[in-house]
Amino acid sequence: MESFSAVFSVQERHFNYANLYYQTIDTITSKSEKNSAIMKEKSRVIQTKSNEVSNFAKQKFSVSESKFPLKTMATTENLAPAPA
């Protein structure tokens, strides 16, 4: 179980850093919207951000990748045999 949560914490940290990068790019480029090269980069960043958000959500909440979806993740309580 520890490695499972560690993987998600690393992915979530990467996602948070990426999101901060995208917010910074958005703030910088909003001041220079007349430059076509900057506008192309801004649209590329927006597209990449939406793709990354979508992929992260699919990875984190996908039922097919895990035997137990996050909402019903296996714990010692629900895996323990019923008392006789």
N, C-alpha and C. Protein backbone atom coordinates (compact mmCIF):
# COMPACT_ATOMS: atom_id res chain seq x y z
N MET A 1 0.82 -1.19 0.00
CA MET A 1 0.00 0.00 0.00
C MET A 1 0.86 1.25 0.00
N GLU A 2 1.99 1.21 0.70
CA GLU A 2 2.82 2.40 0.80
C GLU A 2 3.33 2.82 -0.57
N SER A 3 3.75 1.85 -1.39
CA SER A 3 4.29 2.21 -2.71
C SER A 3 3.20 2.80 -3.59
N PHE A 4 1.97 2.32 -3.44
CA PHE A 4 0.85 2.85 -4.22
C PHE A 4 0.63 4.33 -3.92
N SER A 5 0.58 4.68 -2.64
CA SER A 5 0.37 6.08 -2.28
C SER A 5 1.60 6.91 -2.62
N ALA A 6 2.79 6.33 -2.55
CA ALA A 6 4.01 7.06 -2.90
C ALA A 6 4.00 7.43 -4.38
N VAL A 7 3.55 6.51 -5.22
CA VAL A 7 3.48 6.79 -6.66
C VAL A 7 2.54 7.95 -6.92
N PHE A 8 1.38 7.94 -6.27
CA PHE A 8 0.43 9.03 -6.48
C PHE A 8 0.93 10.34 -5.91
N SER A 9 1.67 10.30 -4.80
CA SER A 9 2.18 11.56 -4.26
C SER A 9 3.23 12.15 -5.19
N VAL A 10 4.05 11.31 -5.82
CA VAL A 10 5.04 11.80 -6.78
C VAL A 10 4.33 12.37 -8.01
N GLN A 11 3.32 11.66 -8.51
CA GLN A 11 2.57 12.15 -9.67
C GLN A 11 1.86 13.45 -9.34
N GLU A 12 1.31 13.53 -8.14
CA GLU A 12 0.59 14.74 -7.75
C GLU A 12 1.55 15.92 -7.61
N ARG A 13 2.74 15.66 -7.08
CA ARG A 13 3.75 16.72 -6.96
C ARG A 13 4.15 17.21 -8.34
N HIS A 14 4.39 16.28 -9.27
CA HIS A 14 4.72 16.66 -10.64
C HIS A 14 3.59 17.49 -11.24
N PHE A 15 2.38 17.05 -11.03
CA PHE A 15 1.21 17.77 -11.55
C PHE A 15 1.14 19.18 -10.97
N ASN A 16 1.40 19.33 -9.67
CA ASN A 16 1.36 20.65 -9.04
C ASN A 16 2.45 21.56 -9.60
N TYR A 17 3.66 21.02 -9.80
CA TYR A 17 4.74 21.82 -10.38
C TYR A 17 4.39 22.23 -11.81
N ALA A 18 3.85 21.29 -12.57
CA ALA A 18 3.47 21.59 -13.95
C ALA A 18 2.39 22.66 -13.98
N ASN A 19 1.44 22.56 -13.08
CA ASN A 19 0.36 23.54 -13.03
C ASN A 19 0.91 24.93 -12.68
N LEU A 20 1.86 24.99 -11.75
CA LEU A 20 2.49 26.26 -11.39
C LEU A 20 3.22 26.85 -12.60
N TYR A 21 3.92 25.98 -13.35
CA TYR A 21 4.61 26.43 -14.57
C TYR A 21 3.61 27.04 -15.55
N TYR A 22 2.50 26.35 -15.76
CA TYR A 22 1.50 26.84 -16.71
C TYR A 22 0.89 28.17 -16.25
N GLN A 23 0.66 28.30 -14.96
CA GLN A 23 0.11 29.56 -14.44
C GLN A 23 1.11 30.70 -14.64
N THR A 24 2.40 30.41 -14.44
CA THR A 24 3.44 31.42 -14.63
C THR A 24 3.50 31.85 -16.08
N ILE A 25 3.50 30.87 -17.00
CA ILE A 25 3.52 31.19 -18.43
C ILE A 25 2.30 32.03 -18.79
N ASP A 26 1.16 31.68 -18.26
CA ASP A 26 -0.07 32.42 -18.55
C ASP A 26 0.04 33.87 -18.07
N THR A 27 0.58 34.06 -16.87
CA THR A 27 0.73 35.41 -16.32
C THR A 27 1.69 36.24 -17.16
N ILE A 28 2.81 35.64 -17.55
CA ILE A 28 3.82 36.36 -18.33
C ILE A 28 3.27 36.71 -19.71
N THR A 29 2.65 35.73 -20.36
CA THR A 29 2.20 35.96 -21.73
C THR A 29 0.98 36.86 -21.82
N SER A 30 0.21 36.96 -20.76
CA SER A 30 -0.97 37.83 -20.83
C SER A 30 -0.57 39.29 -20.99
N LYS A 31 0.67 39.62 -20.65
CA LYS A 31 1.16 40.99 -20.78
C LYS A 31 1.73 41.26 -22.18
N SER A 32 1.95 40.22 -22.97
CA SER A 32 2.59 40.39 -24.28
C SER A 32 1.78 39.72 -25.38
N GLU A 33 0.49 39.90 -25.39
CA GLU A 33 -0.37 39.15 -26.31
C GLU A 33 -0.26 39.60 -27.76
N LYS A 34 0.43 40.67 -28.04
CA LYS A 34 0.55 41.13 -29.43
C LYS A 34 1.62 40.35 -30.20
N ASN A 35 2.53 39.72 -29.50
CA ASN A 35 3.62 38.98 -30.13
C ASN A 35 3.10 37.60 -30.57
N SER A 36 3.19 37.30 -31.88
CA SER A 36 2.63 36.04 -32.40
C SER A 36 3.36 34.81 -31.88
N ALA A 37 4.69 34.90 -31.70
CA ALA A 37 5.44 33.75 -31.18
C ALA A 37 4.99 33.44 -29.75
N ILE A 38 4.76 34.47 -28.97
CA ILE A 38 4.30 34.26 -27.59
C ILE A 38 2.89 33.69 -27.59
N MET A 39 2.06 34.16 -28.49
CA MET A 39 0.69 33.64 -28.56
C MET A 39 0.67 32.16 -28.96
N LYS A 40 1.57 31.76 -29.88
CA LYS A 40 1.66 30.34 -30.26
C LYS A 40 2.09 29.50 -29.07
N GLU A 41 3.10 29.99 -28.33
CA GLU A 41 3.57 29.26 -27.16
C GLU A 41 2.46 29.18 -26.11
N LYS A 42 1.73 30.25 -25.94
CA LYS A 42 0.64 30.26 -24.96
C LYS A 42 -0.43 29.23 -25.34
N SER A 43 -0.80 29.17 -26.60
CA SER A 43 -1.82 28.19 -27.00
C SER A 43 -1.29 26.76 -26.87
N ARG A 44 0.01 26.57 -27.15
CA ARG A 44 0.61 25.24 -26.97
C ARG A 44 0.59 24.84 -25.50
N VAL A 45 0.91 25.80 -24.63
CA VAL A 45 0.92 25.53 -23.19
C VAL A 45 -0.49 25.21 -22.69
N ILE A 46 -1.47 25.95 -23.17
CA ILE A 46 -2.86 25.69 -22.76
C ILE A 46 -3.29 24.29 -23.19
N GLN A 47 -2.95 23.91 -24.42
CA GLN A 47 -3.30 22.58 -24.92
C GLN A 47 -2.59 21.49 -24.12
N THR A 48 -1.29 21.70 -23.85
CA THR A 48 -0.53 20.73 -23.08
C THR A 48 -1.10 20.60 -21.67
N LYS A 49 -1.47 21.73 -21.09
CA LYS A 49 -2.04 21.71 -19.74
C LYS A 49 -3.33 20.90 -19.72
N SER A 50 -4.21 21.15 -20.68
CA SER A 50 -5.48 20.41 -20.67
C SER A 50 -5.24 18.92 -20.90
N ASN A 51 -4.28 18.58 -21.76
CA ASN A 51 -3.94 17.16 -21.97
C ASN A 51 -3.38 16.54 -20.70
N GLU A 52 -2.51 17.29 -20.02
CA GLU A 52 -1.89 16.75 -18.82
C GLU A 52 -2.92 16.58 -17.70
N VAL A 53 -3.81 17.54 -17.56
CA VAL A 53 -4.87 17.44 -16.55
C VAL A 53 -5.73 16.22 -16.85
N SER A 54 -6.08 16.05 -18.11
CA SER A 54 -6.91 14.92 -18.51
C SER A 54 -6.20 13.60 -18.24
N ASN A 55 -4.92 13.50 -18.62
CA ASN A 55 -4.16 12.27 -18.41
C ASN A 55 -3.99 11.97 -16.93
N PHE A 56 -3.73 13.01 -16.14
CA PHE A 56 -3.56 12.82 -14.70
C PHE A 56 -4.85 12.29 -14.08
N ALA A 57 -5.96 12.88 -14.47
CA ALA A 57 -7.25 12.43 -13.94
C ALA A 57 -7.54 11.00 -14.35
N LYS A 58 -7.23 10.66 -15.60
CA LYS A 58 -7.45 9.28 -16.05
C LYS A 58 -6.61 8.31 -15.25
N GLN A 59 -5.32 8.67 -15.03
CA GLN A 59 -4.44 7.79 -14.28
C GLN A 59 -4.91 7.63 -12.85
N LYS A 60 -5.28 8.73 -12.24
CA LYS A 60 -5.61 8.69 -10.82
C LYS A 60 -6.94 8.02 -10.54
N PHE A 61 -7.88 8.16 -11.45
CA PHE A 61 -9.22 7.67 -11.16
C PHE A 61 -9.68 6.54 -12.08
N SER A 62 -8.76 5.98 -12.83
CA SER A 62 -9.12 4.91 -13.75
C SER A 62 -9.41 3.62 -12.99
N VAL A 63 -10.53 3.01 -13.31
CA VAL A 63 -10.89 1.73 -12.68
C VAL A 63 -10.12 0.60 -13.33
N SER A 64 -9.84 0.72 -14.62
CA SER A 64 -9.20 -0.38 -15.35
C SER A 64 -7.75 -0.59 -14.95
N GLU A 65 -7.06 0.46 -14.46
CA GLU A 65 -5.65 0.31 -14.12
C GLU A 65 -5.45 -0.35 -12.76
N SER A 66 -6.46 -0.34 -11.94
CA SER A 66 -6.32 -0.86 -10.60
C SER A 66 -7.48 -1.82 -10.32
N LYS A 67 -7.19 -2.85 -9.57
CA LYS A 67 -8.25 -3.77 -9.19
C LYS A 67 -9.26 -3.08 -8.29
N PHE A 68 -8.78 -2.12 -7.51
CA PHE A 68 -9.64 -1.38 -6.59
C PHE A 68 -9.58 0.10 -6.94
N PRO A 69 -10.69 0.70 -7.36
CA PRO A 69 -10.68 2.14 -7.59
C PRO A 69 -10.41 2.87 -6.27
N LEU A 70 -9.97 4.11 -6.35
CA LEU A 70 -9.57 4.84 -5.14
C LEU A 70 -10.68 4.94 -4.11
N LYS A 71 -11.93 5.08 -4.54
CA LYS A 71 -13.02 5.23 -3.57
C LYS A 71 -13.25 3.96 -2.78
N THR A 72 -12.92 2.81 -3.36
CA THR A 72 -13.14 1.54 -2.67
C THR A 72 -11.82 0.79 -2.54
N MET A 73 -10.75 1.52 -2.26
CA MET A 73 -9.44 0.91 -2.17
C MET A 73 -9.41 -0.14 -1.05
N ALA A 74 -8.72 -1.23 -1.31
CA ALA A 74 -8.64 -2.31 -0.35
C ALA A 74 -7.91 -1.86 0.90
N THR A 75 -8.45 -2.22 2.04
CA THR A 75 -7.79 -1.96 3.32
C THR A 75 -7.83 -3.26 4.10
N THR A 76 -7.12 -3.28 5.21
CA THR A 76 -7.13 -4.51 6.01
C THR A 76 -8.52 -4.78 6.57
N GLU A 77 -9.32 -3.71 6.76
CA GLU A 77 -10.67 -3.92 7.30
C GLU A 77 -11.58 -4.64 6.29
N ASN A 78 -11.56 -4.19 5.03
CA ASN A 78 -12.49 -4.81 4.09
C ASN A 78 -11.92 -6.04 3.39
N LEU A 79 -10.67 -6.39 3.67
CA LEU A 79 -10.11 -7.63 3.14
C LEU A 79 -10.09 -8.75 4.18
N ALA A 80 -10.30 -8.39 5.43
CA ALA A 80 -10.25 -9.39 6.50
C ALA A 80 -11.43 -10.35 6.37
N PRO A 81 -11.21 -11.62 6.66
CA PRO A 81 -12.33 -12.58 6.58
C PRO A 81 -13.39 -12.25 7.62
N ALA A 82 -14.61 -12.56 7.29
CA ALA A 82 -15.73 -12.31 8.21
C ALA A 82 -15.59 -13.21 9.43
N PRO A 83 -15.95 -12.69 10.60
CA PRO A 83 -15.86 -13.54 11.81
C PRO A 83 -16.82 -14.73 11.71
N ALA A 84 -16.36 -15.87 12.21
CA ALA A 84 -17.16 -17.10 12.12
C ALA A 84 -18.23 -17.18 13.17
